[in-house]
PDB file of all heavy atoms in Angstrom:
ATOM      1  N   ALA A   1     -43.613  11.557 -39.060  1.00  0.00           N
ATOM      2  CA  ALA A   1     -44.091  11.726 -40.457  1.00  0.00           C
ATOM      3  C   ALA A   1     -43.332  10.643 -41.343  1.00  0.00           C
ATOM      4  O   ALA A   1     -43.922   9.938 -42.112  1.00  0.00           O
ATOM      5  CB  ALA A   1     -43.961  13.082 -41.019  1.00  0.00           C
ATOM      6  N   ALA A   2     -42.002  10.568 -41.171  1.00  0.00           N
ATOM      7  CA  ALA A   2     -41.229   9.635 -41.905  1.00  0.00           C
ATOM      8  C   ALA A   2     -41.558   8.189 -41.456  1.00  0.00           C
ATOM      9  O   ALA A   2     -41.616   7.282 -42.305  1.00  0.00           O
ATOM     10  CB  ALA A   2     -39.681   9.901 -41.712  1.00  0.00           C
ATOM     11  N   GLY A   3     -41.797   8.024 -40.195  1.00  0.00           N
ATOM     12  CA  GLY A   3     -42.146   6.689 -39.648  1.00  0.00           C
ATOM     13  C   GLY A   3     -43.510   6.225 -40.236  1.00  0.00           C
ATOM     14  O   GLY A   3     -43.657   4.982 -40.531  1.00  0.00           O
ATOM     15  N   GLU A   4     -44.423   7.120 -40.412  1.00  0.00           N
ATOM     16  CA  GLU A   4     -45.734   6.775 -41.016  1.00  0.00           C
ATOM     17  C   GLU A   4     -45.572   6.242 -42.428  1.00  0.00           C
ATOM     18  O   GLU A   4     -46.197   5.261 -42.835  1.00  0.00           O
ATOM     19  CB  GLU A   4     -46.653   7.956 -41.029  1.00  0.00           C
ATOM     20  CG  GLU A   4     -47.356   8.228 -39.710  1.00  0.00           C
ATOM     21  CD  GLU A   4     -48.316   9.430 -39.768  1.00  0.00           C
ATOM     22  OE1 GLU A   4     -48.971   9.563 -40.852  1.00  0.00           O
ATOM     23  OE2 GLU A   4     -48.335  10.196 -38.839  1.00  0.00           O
ATOM     24  N   GLU A   5     -44.709   6.902 -43.226  1.00  0.00           N
ATOM     25  CA  GLU A   5     -44.421   6.471 -44.562  1.00  0.00           C
ATOM     26  C   GLU A   5     -43.818   5.089 -44.591  1.00  0.00           C
ATOM     27  O   GLU A   5     -44.132   4.257 -45.411  1.00  0.00           O
ATOM     28  CB  GLU A   5     -43.574   7.500 -45.323  1.00  0.00           C
ATOM     29  CG  GLU A   5     -44.247   8.822 -45.545  1.00  0.00           C
ATOM     30  CD  GLU A   5     -45.537   8.701 -46.380  1.00  0.00           C
ATOM     31  OE1 GLU A   5     -45.515   7.890 -47.378  1.00  0.00           O
ATOM     32  OE2 GLU A   5     -46.513   9.314 -46.005  1.00  0.00           O
ATOM     33  N   ILE A   6     -42.919   4.813 -43.676  1.00  0.00           N
ATOM     34  CA  ILE A   6     -42.267   3.521 -43.599  1.00  0.00           C
ATOM     35  C   ILE A   6     -43.305   2.481 -43.193  1.00  0.00           C
ATOM     36  O   ILE A   6     -43.341   1.382 -43.789  1.00  0.00           O
ATOM     37  CB  ILE A   6     -41.083   3.571 -42.603  1.00  0.00           C
ATOM     38  CG1 ILE A   6     -39.965   4.487 -43.102  1.00  0.00           C
ATOM     39  CG2 ILE A   6     -40.517   2.148 -42.312  1.00  0.00           C
ATOM     40  CD1 ILE A   6     -38.987   4.850 -42.026  1.00  0.00           C
ATOM     41  N   GLU A   7     -44.174   2.771 -42.232  1.00  0.00           N
ATOM     42  CA  GLU A   7     -45.170   1.845 -41.866  1.00  0.00           C
ATOM     43  C   GLU A   7     -46.165   1.553 -42.992  1.00  0.00           C
ATOM     44  O   GLU A   7     -46.544   0.386 -43.193  1.00  0.00           O
ATOM     45  CB  GLU A   7     -45.942   2.379 -40.637  1.00  0.00           C
ATOM     46  CG  GLU A   7     -46.996   1.452 -40.063  1.00  0.00           C
ATOM     47  CD  GLU A   7     -46.489   0.133 -39.634  1.00  0.00           C
ATOM     48  OE1 GLU A   7     -45.300  -0.052 -39.367  1.00  0.00           O
ATOM     49  OE2 GLU A   7     -47.316  -0.855 -39.649  1.00  0.00           O
ATOM     50  N   LYS A   8     -46.511   2.571 -43.804  1.00  0.00           N
ATOM     51  CA  LYS A   8     -47.359   2.275 -45.002  1.00  0.00           C
ATOM     52  C   LYS A   8     -46.715   1.337 -45.942  1.00  0.00           C
ATOM     53  O   LYS A   8     -47.390   0.446 -46.419  1.00  0.00           O
ATOM     54  CB  LYS A   8     -47.665   3.613 -45.706  1.00  0.00           C
ATOM     55  CG  LYS A   8     -48.652   4.489 -45.009  1.00  0.00           C
ATOM     56  CD  LYS A   8     -48.918   5.772 -45.825  1.00  0.00           C
ATOM     57  CE  LYS A   8     -49.773   6.778 -45.088  1.00  0.00           C
ATOM     58  NZ  LYS A   8     -49.893   8.047 -45.771  1.00  0.00           N
ATOM     59  N   SER A   9     -45.404   1.524 -46.168  1.00  0.00           N
ATOM     60  CA  SER A   9     -44.723   0.603 -47.059  1.00  0.00           C
ATOM     61  C   SER A   9     -44.638  -0.788 -46.474  1.00  0.00           C
ATOM     62  O   SER A   9     -44.759  -1.800 -47.190  1.00  0.00           O
ATOM     63  CB  SER A   9     -43.283   1.129 -47.347  1.00  0.00           C
ATOM     64  OG  SER A   9     -43.379   2.305 -48.084  1.00  0.00           O
ATOM     65  N   ARG A  10     -44.432  -0.881 -45.138  1.00  0.00           N
ATOM     66  CA  ARG A  10     -44.379  -2.194 -44.490  1.00  0.00           C
ATOM     67  C   ARG A  10     -45.704  -2.926 -44.613  1.00  0.00           C
ATOM     68  O   ARG A  10     -45.755  -4.100 -44.861  1.00  0.00           O
ATOM     69  CB  ARG A  10     -43.928  -1.975 -43.027  1.00  0.00           C
ATOM     70  CG  ARG A  10     -43.365  -3.156 -42.348  1.00  0.00           C
ATOM     71  CD  ARG A  10     -42.791  -2.703 -41.019  1.00  0.00           C
ATOM     72  NE  ARG A  10     -43.765  -2.486 -40.071  1.00  0.00           N
ATOM     73  CZ  ARG A  10     -44.241  -3.390 -39.111  1.00  0.00           C
ATOM     74  NH1 ARG A  10     -43.796  -4.600 -39.149  1.00  0.00           N
ATOM     75  NH2 ARG A  10     -45.173  -3.036 -38.233  1.00  0.00           N
ATOM     76  N   LEU A  11     -46.795  -2.152 -44.461  1.00  0.00           N
ATOM     77  CA  LEU A  11     -48.117  -2.717 -44.544  1.00  0.00           C
ATOM     78  C   LEU A  11     -48.382  -3.182 -45.972  1.00  0.00           C
ATOM     79  O   LEU A  11     -48.974  -4.232 -46.230  1.00  0.00           O
ATOM     80  CB  LEU A  11     -49.170  -1.693 -44.156  1.00  0.00           C
ATOM     81  CG  LEU A  11     -50.613  -2.188 -44.211  1.00  0.00           C
ATOM     82  CD1 LEU A  11     -50.818  -3.402 -43.341  1.00  0.00           C
ATOM     83  CD2 LEU A  11     -51.550  -1.066 -43.697  1.00  0.00           C
ATOM     84  N   GLN A  12     -47.916  -2.420 -47.009  1.00  0.00           N
ATOM     85  CA  GLN A  12     -48.077  -2.845 -48.392  1.00  0.00           C
ATOM     86  C   GLN A  12     -47.386  -4.183 -48.628  1.00  0.00           C
ATOM     87  O   GLN A  12     -47.875  -5.001 -49.386  1.00  0.00           O
ATOM     88  CB  GLN A  12     -47.548  -1.832 -49.341  1.00  0.00           C
ATOM     89  CG  GLN A  12     -48.447  -0.540 -49.421  1.00  0.00           C
ATOM     90  CD  GLN A  12     -47.864   0.537 -50.288  1.00  0.00           C
ATOM     91  OE1 GLN A  12     -46.645   0.585 -50.498  1.00  0.00           O
ATOM     92  NE2 GLN A  12     -48.702   1.458 -50.716  1.00  0.00           N
ATOM     93  N   ILE A  13     -46.234  -4.349 -48.080  1.00  0.00           N
ATOM     94  CA  ILE A  13     -45.452  -5.637 -48.184  1.00  0.00           C
ATOM     95  C   ILE A  13     -46.296  -6.754 -47.570  1.00  0.00           C
ATOM     96  O   ILE A  13     -46.465  -7.822 -48.147  1.00  0.00           O
ATOM     97  CB  ILE A  13     -44.082  -5.529 -47.573  1.00  0.00           C
ATOM     98  CG1 ILE A  13     -43.228  -4.544 -48.378  1.00  0.00           C
ATOM     99  CG2 ILE A  13     -43.426  -6.904 -47.507  1.00  0.00           C
ATOM    100  CD1 ILE A  13     -41.895  -4.128 -47.726  1.00  0.00           C
ATOM    101  N   ALA A  14     -46.831  -6.507 -46.399  1.00  0.00           N
ATOM    102  CA  ALA A  14     -47.647  -7.543 -45.709  1.00  0.00           C
ATOM    103  C   ALA A  14     -48.868  -7.889 -46.552  1.00  0.00           C
ATOM    104  O   ALA A  14     -49.254  -9.053 -46.628  1.00  0.00           O
ATOM    105  CB  ALA A  14     -48.023  -7.082 -44.321  1.00  0.00           C
ATOM    106  N   GLN A  15     -49.532  -6.871 -47.121  1.00  0.00           N
ATOM    107  CA  GLN A  15     -50.726  -7.054 -47.897  1.00  0.00           C
ATOM    108  C   GLN A  15     -50.334  -7.834 -49.154  1.00  0.00           C
ATOM    109  O   GLN A  15     -51.163  -8.737 -49.608  1.00  0.00           O
ATOM    110  CB  GLN A  15     -51.371  -5.781 -48.328  1.00  0.00           C
ATOM    111  CG  GLN A  15     -51.994  -5.060 -47.182  1.00  0.00           C
ATOM    112  CD  GLN A  15     -52.466  -3.606 -47.603  1.00  0.00           C
ATOM    113  OE1 GLN A  15     -51.888  -3.009 -48.457  1.00  0.00           O
ATOM    114  NE2 GLN A  15     -53.442  -3.175 -46.858  1.00  0.00           N
ATOM    115  N   HIS A  16     -49.171  -7.574 -49.776  1.00  0.00           N
ATOM    116  CA  HIS A  16     -48.804  -8.246 -50.988  1.00  0.00           C
ATOM    117  C   HIS A  16     -48.539  -9.736 -50.743  1.00  0.00           C
ATOM    118  O   HIS A  16     -48.925 -10.601 -51.552  1.00  0.00           O
ATOM    119  CB  HIS A  16     -47.571  -7.541 -51.553  1.00  0.00           C
ATOM    120  CG  HIS A  16     -47.092  -8.229 -52.836  1.00  0.00           C
ATOM    121  ND1 HIS A  16     -47.733  -8.121 -54.038  1.00  0.00           N
ATOM    122  CD2 HIS A  16     -45.999  -9.008 -53.024  1.00  0.00           C
ATOM    123  CE1 HIS A  16     -47.082  -8.822 -54.962  1.00  0.00           C
ATOM    124  NE2 HIS A  16     -46.027  -9.399 -54.385  1.00  0.00           N
ATOM    125  N   TYR A  17     -47.797 -10.039 -49.661  1.00  0.00           N
ATOM    126  CA  TYR A  17     -47.369 -11.466 -49.383  1.00  0.00           C
ATOM    127  C   TYR A  17     -48.290 -12.223 -48.491  1.00  0.00           C
ATOM    128  O   TYR A  17     -48.290 -13.402 -48.435  1.00  0.00           O
ATOM    129  CB  TYR A  17     -45.951 -11.458 -48.833  1.00  0.00           C
ATOM    130  CG  TYR A  17     -44.947 -11.057 -49.866  1.00  0.00           C
ATOM    131  CD1 TYR A  17     -44.377  -9.823 -49.885  1.00  0.00           C
ATOM    132  CD2 TYR A  17     -44.534 -11.980 -50.812  1.00  0.00           C
ATOM    133  CE1 TYR A  17     -43.400  -9.450 -50.805  1.00  0.00           C
ATOM    134  CE2 TYR A  17     -43.537 -11.606 -51.794  1.00  0.00           C
ATOM    135  CZ  TYR A  17     -42.991 -10.370 -51.772  1.00  0.00           C
ATOM    136  OH  TYR A  17     -42.073  -9.979 -52.683  1.00  0.00           O
ATOM    137  N   GLY A  18     -49.099 -11.510 -47.732  1.00  0.00           N
ATOM    138  CA  GLY A  18     -49.904 -12.133 -46.647  1.00  0.00           C
ATOM    139  C   GLY A  18     -51.364 -12.321 -46.986  1.00  0.00           C
ATOM    140  O   GLY A  18     -51.836 -11.894 -47.998  1.00  0.00           O
ATOM    141  N   VAL A  19     -51.975 -12.921 -46.011  1.00  0.00           N
ATOM    142  CA  VAL A  19     -53.423 -13.139 -46.081  1.00  0.00           C
ATOM    143  C   VAL A  19     -54.014 -12.478 -44.811  1.00  0.00           C
ATOM    144  O   VAL A  19     -53.491 -12.701 -43.688  1.00  0.00           O
ATOM    145  CB  VAL A  19     -53.778 -14.685 -46.178  1.00  0.00           C
ATOM    146  CG1 VAL A  19     -55.267 -14.892 -46.096  1.00  0.00           C
ATOM    147  CG2 VAL A  19     -53.144 -15.287 -47.336  1.00  0.00           C
ATOM    148  N   LEU A  20     -55.088 -11.712 -44.976  1.00  0.00           N
ATOM    149  CA  LEU A  20     -55.690 -11.064 -43.822  1.00  0.00           C
ATOM    150  C   LEU A  20     -56.386 -12.038 -42.915  1.00  0.00           C
ATOM    151  O   LEU A  20     -57.243 -12.811 -43.344  1.00  0.00           O
ATOM    152  CB  LEU A  20     -56.662  -9.960 -44.267  1.00  0.00           C
ATOM    153  CG  LEU A  20     -57.379  -9.170 -43.187  1.00  0.00           C
ATOM    154  CD1 LEU A  20     -56.335  -8.410 -42.385  1.00  0.00           C
ATOM    155  CD2 LEU A  20     -58.393  -8.270 -43.773  1.00  0.00           C
ATOM    156  N   ASP A  21     -55.946 -12.059 -41.630  1.00  0.00           N
ATOM    157  CA  ASP A  21     -56.633 -12.794 -40.619  1.00  0.00           C
ATOM    158  C   ASP A  21     -57.608 -11.837 -39.940  1.00  0.00           C
ATOM    159  O   ASP A  21     -57.213 -10.977 -39.221  1.00  0.00           O
ATOM    160  CB  ASP A  21     -55.632 -13.317 -39.567  1.00  0.00           C
ATOM    161  CG  ASP A  21     -56.263 -14.152 -38.488  1.00  0.00           C
ATOM    162  OD1 ASP A  21     -57.442 -13.940 -38.201  1.00  0.00           O
ATOM    163  OD2 ASP A  21     -55.562 -14.977 -37.822  1.00  0.00           O
ATOM    164  N   LYS A  22     -58.887 -12.012 -40.305  1.00  0.00           N
ATOM    165  CA  LYS A  22     -59.912 -11.040 -39.853  1.00  0.00           C
ATOM    166  C   LYS A  22     -60.105 -11.050 -38.341  1.00  0.00           C
ATOM    167  O   LYS A  22     -60.423  -9.995 -37.763  1.00  0.00           O
ATOM    168  CB  LYS A  22     -61.230 -11.290 -40.572  1.00  0.00           C
ATOM    169  CG  LYS A  22     -61.148 -10.950 -42.041  1.00  0.00           C
ATOM    170  CD  LYS A  22     -62.449 -11.133 -42.753  1.00  0.00           C
ATOM    171  CE  LYS A  22     -62.252 -10.747 -44.230  1.00  0.00           C
ATOM    172  NZ  LYS A  22     -63.436 -10.894 -45.032  1.00  0.00           N
ATOM    173  N   GLU A  23     -59.895 -12.185 -37.667  1.00  0.00           N
ATOM    174  CA  GLU A  23     -60.053 -12.254 -36.220  1.00  0.00           C
ATOM    175  C   GLU A  23     -58.985 -11.374 -35.521  1.00  0.00           C
ATOM    176  O   GLU A  23     -59.245 -10.658 -34.571  1.00  0.00           O
ATOM    177  CB  GLU A  23     -59.877 -13.696 -35.745  1.00  0.00           C
ATOM    178  CG  GLU A  23     -61.193 -14.449 -35.643  1.00  0.00           C
ATOM    179  CD  GLU A  23     -61.006 -15.830 -35.047  1.00  0.00           C
ATOM    180  OE1 GLU A  23     -60.204 -15.972 -34.141  1.00  0.00           O
ATOM    181  OE2 GLU A  23     -61.732 -16.762 -35.557  1.00  0.00           O
ATOM    182  N   LYS A  24     -57.743 -11.520 -36.028  1.00  0.00           N
ATOM    183  CA  LYS A  24     -56.625 -10.766 -35.387  1.00  0.00           C
ATOM    184  C   LYS A  24     -56.369  -9.416 -36.049  1.00  0.00           C
ATOM    185  O   LYS A  24     -55.566  -8.697 -35.614  1.00  0.00           O
ATOM    186  CB  LYS A  24     -55.335 -11.669 -35.479  1.00  0.00           C
ATOM    187  CG  LYS A  24     -55.391 -12.940 -34.698  1.00  0.00           C
ATOM    188  CD  LYS A  24     -54.154 -13.712 -34.838  1.00  0.00           C
ATOM    189  CE  LYS A  24     -54.175 -14.987 -34.074  1.00  0.00           C
ATOM    190  NZ  LYS A  24     -52.964 -15.804 -34.285  1.00  0.00           N
ATOM    191  N   ASN A  25     -57.108  -9.200 -37.188  1.00  0.00           N
ATOM    192  CA  ASN A  25     -56.944  -7.959 -37.932  1.00  0.00           C
ATOM    193  C   ASN A  25     -55.456  -7.667 -38.274  1.00  0.00           C
ATOM    194  O   ASN A  25     -54.963  -6.622 -38.096  1.00  0.00           O
ATOM    195  CB  ASN A  25     -57.565  -6.778 -37.175  1.00  0.00           C
ATOM    196  CG  ASN A  25     -57.777  -5.578 -38.083  1.00  0.00           C
ATOM    197  OD1 ASN A  25     -57.959  -5.724 -39.299  1.00  0.00           O
ATOM    198  ND2 ASN A  25     -57.755  -4.392 -37.549  1.00  0.00           N
ATOM    199  N   GLN A  26     -54.752  -8.737 -38.785  1.00  0.00           N
ATOM    200  CA  GLN A  26     -53.425  -8.550 -39.227  1.00  0.00           C
ATOM    201  C   GLN A  26     -53.156  -9.516 -40.385  1.00  0.00           C
ATOM    202  O   GLN A  26     -53.918 -10.474 -40.565  1.00  0.00           O
ATOM    203  CB  GLN A  26     -52.445  -8.857 -38.096  1.00  0.00           C
ATOM    204  CG  GLN A  26     -52.427 -10.296 -37.611  1.00  0.00           C
ATOM    205  CD  GLN A  26     -51.475 -10.498 -36.450  1.00  0.00           C
ATOM    206  OE1 GLN A  26     -51.148  -9.549 -35.747  1.00  0.00           O
ATOM    207  NE2 GLN A  26     -51.064 -11.685 -36.260  1.00  0.00           N
ATOM    208  N   TYR A  27     -52.109  -9.234 -41.108  1.00  0.00           N
ATOM    209  CA  TYR A  27     -51.746 -10.033 -42.260  1.00  0.00           C
ATOM    210  C   TYR A  27     -50.798 -11.185 -41.776  1.00  0.00           C
ATOM    211  O   TYR A  27     -49.830 -10.904 -41.066  1.00  0.00           O
ATOM    212  CB  TYR A  27     -51.127  -9.222 -43.374  1.00  0.00           C
ATOM    213  CG  TYR A  27     -52.133  -8.419 -44.116  1.00  0.00           C
ATOM    214  CD1 TYR A  27     -52.375  -7.082 -43.652  1.00  0.00           C
ATOM    215  CD2 TYR A  27     -52.841  -8.898 -45.123  1.00  0.00           C
ATOM    216  CE1 TYR A  27     -53.360  -6.321 -44.298  1.00  0.00           C
ATOM    217  CE2 TYR A  27     -53.815  -8.098 -45.810  1.00  0.00           C
ATOM    218  CZ  TYR A  27     -54.008  -6.819 -45.341  1.00  0.00           C
ATOM    219  OH  TYR A  27     -54.994  -6.078 -45.978  1.00  0.00           O
ATOM    220  N   ILE A  28     -51.081 -12.402 -42.216  1.00  0.00           N
ATOM    221  CA  ILE A  28     -50.233 -13.538 -41.946  1.00  0.00           C
ATOM    222  C   ILE A  28     -49.537 -13.968 -43.198  1.00  0.00           C
ATOM    223  O   ILE A  28     -50.215 -14.260 -44.239  1.00  0.00           O
ATOM    224  CB  ILE A  28     -51.056 -14.689 -41.367  1.00  0.00           C
ATOM    225  CG1 ILE A  28     -51.943 -14.284 -40.211  1.00  0.00           C
ATOM    226  CG2 ILE A  28     -50.200 -15.882 -41.032  1.00  0.00           C
ATOM    227  CD1 ILE A  28     -51.180 -13.797 -39.016  1.00  0.00           C
ATOM    228  N   VAL A  29     -48.211 -13.934 -43.212  1.00  0.00           N
ATOM    229  CA  VAL A  29     -47.478 -14.307 -44.391  1.00  0.00           C
ATOM    230  C   VAL A  29     -47.227 -15.846 -44.395  1.00  0.00           C
ATOM    231  O   VAL A  29     -46.698 -16.350 -43.417  1.00  0.00           O
ATOM    232  CB  VAL A  29     -46.104 -13.548 -44.441  1.00  0.00           C
ATOM    233  CG1 VAL A  29     -45.295 -13.996 -45.682  1.00  0.00           C
ATOM    234  CG2 VAL A  29     -46.325 -12.045 -44.433  1.00  0.00           C
ATOM    235  N   PRO A  30     -47.620 -16.546 -45.431  1.00  0.00           N
ATOM    236  CA  PRO A  30     -47.440 -17.964 -45.491  1.00  0.00           C
ATOM    237  C   PRO A  30     -45.954 -18.310 -45.479  1.00  0.00           C
ATOM    238  O   PRO A  30     -45.152 -17.560 -45.969  1.00  0.00           O
ATOM    239  CB  PRO A  30     -48.071 -18.381 -46.824  1.00  0.00           C
ATOM    240  CG  PRO A  30     -48.931 -17.231 -47.259  1.00  0.00           C
ATOM    241  CD  PRO A  30     -48.313 -16.027 -46.597  1.00  0.00           C
ATOM    242  N   PRO A  31     -45.641 -19.471 -44.862  1.00  0.00           N
ATOM    243  CA  PRO A  31     -44.230 -19.890 -44.765  1.00  0.00           C
ATOM    244  C   PRO A  31     -43.443 -19.831 -46.057  1.00  0.00           C
ATOM    245  O   PRO A  31     -42.289 -19.443 -46.068  1.00  0.00           O
ATOM    246  CB  PRO A  31     -44.278 -21.317 -44.188  1.00  0.00           C
ATOM    247  CG  PRO A  31     -45.611 -21.349 -43.498  1.00  0.00           C
ATOM    248  CD  PRO A  31     -46.496 -20.445 -44.275  1.00  0.00           C
ATOM    249  N   ASP A  32     -44.092 -20.175 -47.198  1.00  0.00           N
ATOM    250  CA  ASP A  32     -43.350 -20.199 -48.457  1.00  0.00           C
ATOM    251  C   ASP A  32     -43.076 -18.818 -48.968  1.00  0.00           C
ATOM    252  O   ASP A  32     -42.271 -18.622 -49.949  1.00  0.00           O
ATOM    253  CB  ASP A  32     -44.115 -20.988 -49.524  1.00  0.00           C
ATOM    254  CG  ASP A  32     -45.469 -20.440 -49.869  1.00  0.00           C
ATOM    255  OD1 ASP A  32     -46.160 -19.902 -48.932  1.00  0.00           O
ATOM    256  OD2 ASP A  32     -45.880 -20.540 -51.033  1.00  0.00           O
ATOM    257  N   LYS A  33     -43.677 -17.751 -48.397  1.00  0.00           N
ATOM    258  CA  LYS A  33     -43.381 -16.368 -48.881  1.00  0.00           C
ATOM    259  C   LYS A  33     -42.644 -15.505 -47.845  1.00  0.00           C
ATOM    260  O   LYS A  33     -42.336 -14.360 -48.107  1.00  0.00           O
ATOM    261  CB  LYS A  33     -44.755 -15.708 -49.204  1.00  0.00           C
ATOM    262  CG  LYS A  33     -45.437 -16.348 -50.396  1.00  0.00           C
ATOM    263  CD  LYS A  33     -46.671 -15.608 -50.733  1.00  0.00           C
ATOM    264  CE  LYS A  33     -47.351 -16.268 -51.961  1.00  0.00           C
ATOM    265  NZ  LYS A  33     -48.519 -15.540 -52.338  1.00  0.00           N
ATOM    266  N   ILE A  34     -42.297 -16.143 -46.755  1.00  0.00           N
ATOM    267  CA  ILE A  34     -41.624 -15.353 -45.670  1.00  0.00           C
ATOM    268  C   ILE A  34     -40.291 -14.826 -46.105  1.00  0.00           C
ATOM    269  O   ILE A  34     -39.942 -13.644 -45.856  1.00  0.00           O
ATOM    270  CB  ILE A  34     -41.540 -16.138 -44.349  1.00  0.00           C
ATOM    271  CG1 ILE A  34     -42.893 -16.345 -43.701  1.00  0.00           C
ATOM    272  CG2 ILE A  34     -40.487 -15.579 -43.378  1.00  0.00           C
ATOM    273  CD1 ILE A  34     -42.943 -17.179 -42.446  1.00  0.00           C
ATOM    274  N   ALA A  35     -39.520 -15.602 -46.805  1.00  0.00           N
ATOM    275  CA  ALA A  35     -38.129 -15.158 -47.288  1.00  0.00           C
ATOM    276  C   ALA A  35     -38.259 -13.954 -48.217  1.00  0.00           C
ATOM    277  O   ALA A  35     -37.525 -12.954 -48.026  1.00  0.00           O
ATOM    278  CB  ALA A  35     -37.455 -16.281 -47.957  1.00  0.00           C
ATOM    279  N   GLU A  36     -39.178 -13.987 -49.163  1.00  0.00           N
ATOM    280  CA  GLU A  36     -39.421 -12.861 -50.063  1.00  0.00           C
ATOM    281  C   GLU A  36     -39.886 -11.620 -49.305  1.00  0.00           C
ATOM    282  O   GLU A  36     -39.369 -10.462 -49.534  1.00  0.00           O
ATOM    283  CB  GLU A  36     -40.453 -13.210 -51.108  1.00  0.00           C
ATOM    284  CG  GLU A  36     -40.016 -14.283 -52.115  1.00  0.00           C
ATOM    285  CD  GLU A  36     -41.153 -14.662 -52.999  1.00  0.00           C
ATOM    286  OE1 GLU A  36     -41.491 -13.879 -53.916  1.00  0.00           O
ATOM    287  OE2 GLU A  36     -41.738 -15.764 -52.781  1.00  0.00           O
ATOM    288  N   ALA A  37     -40.797 -11.793 -48.348  1.00  0.00           N
ATOM    289  CA  ALA A  37     -41.357 -10.656 -47.619  1.00  0.00           C
ATOM    290  C   ALA A  37     -40.265 -10.078 -46.749  1.00  0.00           C
ATOM    291  O   ALA A  37     -40.116  -8.820 -46.701  1.00  0.00           O
ATOM    292  CB  ALA A  37     -42.542 -11.077 -46.787  1.00  0.00           C
ATOM    293  N   ASN A  38     -39.482 -10.937 -46.100  1.00  0.00           N
ATOM    294  CA  ASN A  38     -38.352 -10.428 -45.272  1.00  0.00           C
ATOM    295  C   ASN A  38     -37.307  -9.669 -46.083  1.00  0.00           C
ATOM    296  O   ASN A  38     -36.793  -8.652 -45.583  1.00  0.00           O
ATOM    297  CB  ASN A  38     -37.688 -11.580 -44.494  1.00  0.00           C
ATOM    298  CG  ASN A  38     -38.503 -11.988 -43.289  1.00  0.00           C
ATOM    299  OD1 ASN A  38     -39.354 -11.221 -42.784  1.00  0.00           O
ATOM    300  ND2 ASN A  38     -38.268 -13.179 -42.799  1.00  0.00           N
ATOM    301  N   LYS A  39     -37.035 -10.138 -47.265  1.00  0.00           N
ATOM    302  CA  LYS A  39     -36.108  -9.430 -48.126  1.00  0.00           C
ATOM    303  C   LYS A  39     -36.596  -8.020 -48.451  1.00  0.00           C
ATOM    304  O   LYS A  39     -35.861  -7.047 -48.363  1.00  0.00           O
ATOM    305  CB  LYS A  39     -35.810 -10.233 -49.374  1.00  0.00           C
ATOM    306  CG  LYS A  39     -34.782  -9.506 -50.366  1.00  0.00           C
ATOM    307  CD  LYS A  39     -34.672 -10.199 -51.639  1.00  0.00           C
ATOM    308  CE  LYS A  39     -33.612  -9.497 -52.554  1.00  0.00           C
ATOM    309  NZ  LYS A  39     -33.590  -8.043 -52.546  1.00  0.00           N
ATOM    310  N   GLU A  40     -37.868  -7.945 -48.744  1.00  0.00           N
ATOM    311  CA  GLU A  40     -38.387  -6.591 -49.068  1.00  0.00           C
ATOM    312  C   GLU A  40     -38.392  -5.667 -47.815  1.00  0.00           C
ATOM    313  O   GLU A  40     -38.107  -4.482 -47.938  1.00  0.00           O
ATOM    314  CB  GLU A  40     -39.794  -6.719 -49.633  1.00  0.00           C
ATOM    315  CG  GLU A  40     -39.794  -7.144 -51.093  1.00  0.00           C
ATOM    316  CD  GLU A  40     -41.002  -6.690 -51.883  1.00  0.00           C
ATOM    317  OE1 GLU A  40     -41.414  -5.526 -51.720  1.00  0.00           O
ATOM    318  OE2 GLU A  40     -41.520  -7.564 -52.581  1.00  0.00           O
ATOM    319  N   ILE A  41     -38.738  -6.232 -46.691  1.00  0.00           N
ATOM    320  CA  ILE A  41     -38.693  -5.470 -45.410  1.00  0.00           C
ATOM    321  C   ILE A  41     -37.259  -4.994 -45.153  1.00  0.00           C
ATOM    322  O   ILE A  41     -37.043  -3.823 -44.826  1.00  0.00           O
ATOM    323  CB  ILE A  41     -39.223  -6.304 -44.236  1.00  0.00           C
ATOM    324  CG1 ILE A  41     -40.736  -6.665 -44.383  1.00  0.00           C
ATOM    325  CG2 ILE A  41     -38.949  -5.613 -42.881  1.00  0.00           C
ATOM    326  CD1 ILE A  41     -41.686  -5.536 -44.032  1.00  0.00           C
ATOM    327  N   ASN A  42     -36.287  -5.904 -45.351  1.00  0.00           N
ATOM    328  CA  ASN A  42     -34.881  -5.509 -45.134  1.00  0.00           C
ATOM    329  C   ASN A  42     -34.466  -4.405 -46.113  1.00  0.00           C
ATOM    330  O   ASN A  42     -33.714  -3.512 -45.733  1.00  0.00           O
ATOM    331  CB  ASN A  42     -33.988  -6.747 -45.189  1.00  0.00           C
ATOM    332  CG  ASN A  42     -34.115  -7.645 -44.035  1.00  0.00           C
ATOM    333  OD1 ASN A  42     -34.545  -7.250 -42.937  1.00  0.00           O
ATOM    334  ND2 ASN A  42     -33.854  -8.932 -44.230  1.00  0.00           N
ATOM    335  N   ASP A  43     -34.901  -4.570 -47.370  1.00  0.00           N
ATOM    336  CA  ASP A  43     -34.607  -3.501 -48.332  1.00  0.00           C
ATOM    337  C   ASP A  43     -35.228  -2.193 -47.943  1.00  0.00           C
ATOM    338  O   ASP A  43     -34.558  -1.160 -48.039  1.00  0.00           O
ATOM    339  CB  ASP A  43     -35.161  -3.913 -49.719  1.00  0.00           C
ATOM    340  CG  ASP A  43     -34.328  -5.041 -50.400  1.00  0.00           C
ATOM    341  OD1 ASP A  43     -33.262  -5.418 -49.913  1.00  0.00           O
ATOM    342  OD2 ASP A  43     -34.872  -5.590 -51.374  1.00  0.00           O
ATOM    343  N   LEU A  44     -36.440  -2.192 -47.471  1.00  0.00           N
ATOM    344  CA  LEU A  44     -37.095  -1.043 -47.030  1.00  0.00           C
ATOM    345  C   LEU A  44     -36.396  -0.376 -45.849  1.00  0.00           C
ATOM    346  O   LEU A  44     -36.127   0.816 -45.855  1.00  0.00           O
ATOM    347  CB  LEU A  44     -38.552  -1.319 -46.577  1.00  0.00           C
ATOM    348  CG  LEU A  44     -39.361  -0.226 -45.888  1.00  0.00           C
ATOM    349  CD1 LEU A  44     -39.603   0.949 -46.813  1.00  0.00           C
ATOM    350  CD2 LEU A  44     -40.658  -0.744 -45.334  1.00  0.00           C
ATOM    351  N   PHE A  45     -36.038  -1.211 -44.900  1.00  0.00           N
ATOM    352  CA  PHE A  45     -35.352  -0.698 -43.672  1.00  0.00           C
ATOM    353  C   PHE A  45     -33.891  -0.244 -43.920  1.00  0.00           C
ATOM    354  O   PHE A  45     -33.310   0.568 -43.212  1.00  0.00           O
ATOM    355  CB  PHE A  45     -35.359  -1.680 -42.577  1.00  0.00           C
ATOM    356  CG  PHE A  45     -36.680  -1.785 -41.819  1.00  0.00           C
ATOM    357  CD1 PHE A  45     -36.817  -2.731 -40.812  1.00  0.00           C
ATOM    358  CD2 PHE A  45     -37.678  -0.930 -42.072  1.00  0.00           C
ATOM    359  CE1 PHE A  45     -38.034  -2.788 -40.128  1.00  0.00           C
ATOM    360  CE2 PHE A  45     -38.905  -0.967 -41.362  1.00  0.00           C
ATOM    361  CZ  PHE A  45     -39.008  -1.896 -40.400  1.00  0.00           C
TER     362      PHE A  45
END
């Protein structure tokens, strides 16, 4: 249950910084936003 909540937050970060690749069904974070996204992921973890 706690892991699901963490995964939801991780997905929100990916959605915020990334662009959905419909073929792969995943968010791709552009190189210029990777540092910001990683900082938020590290804060979350």
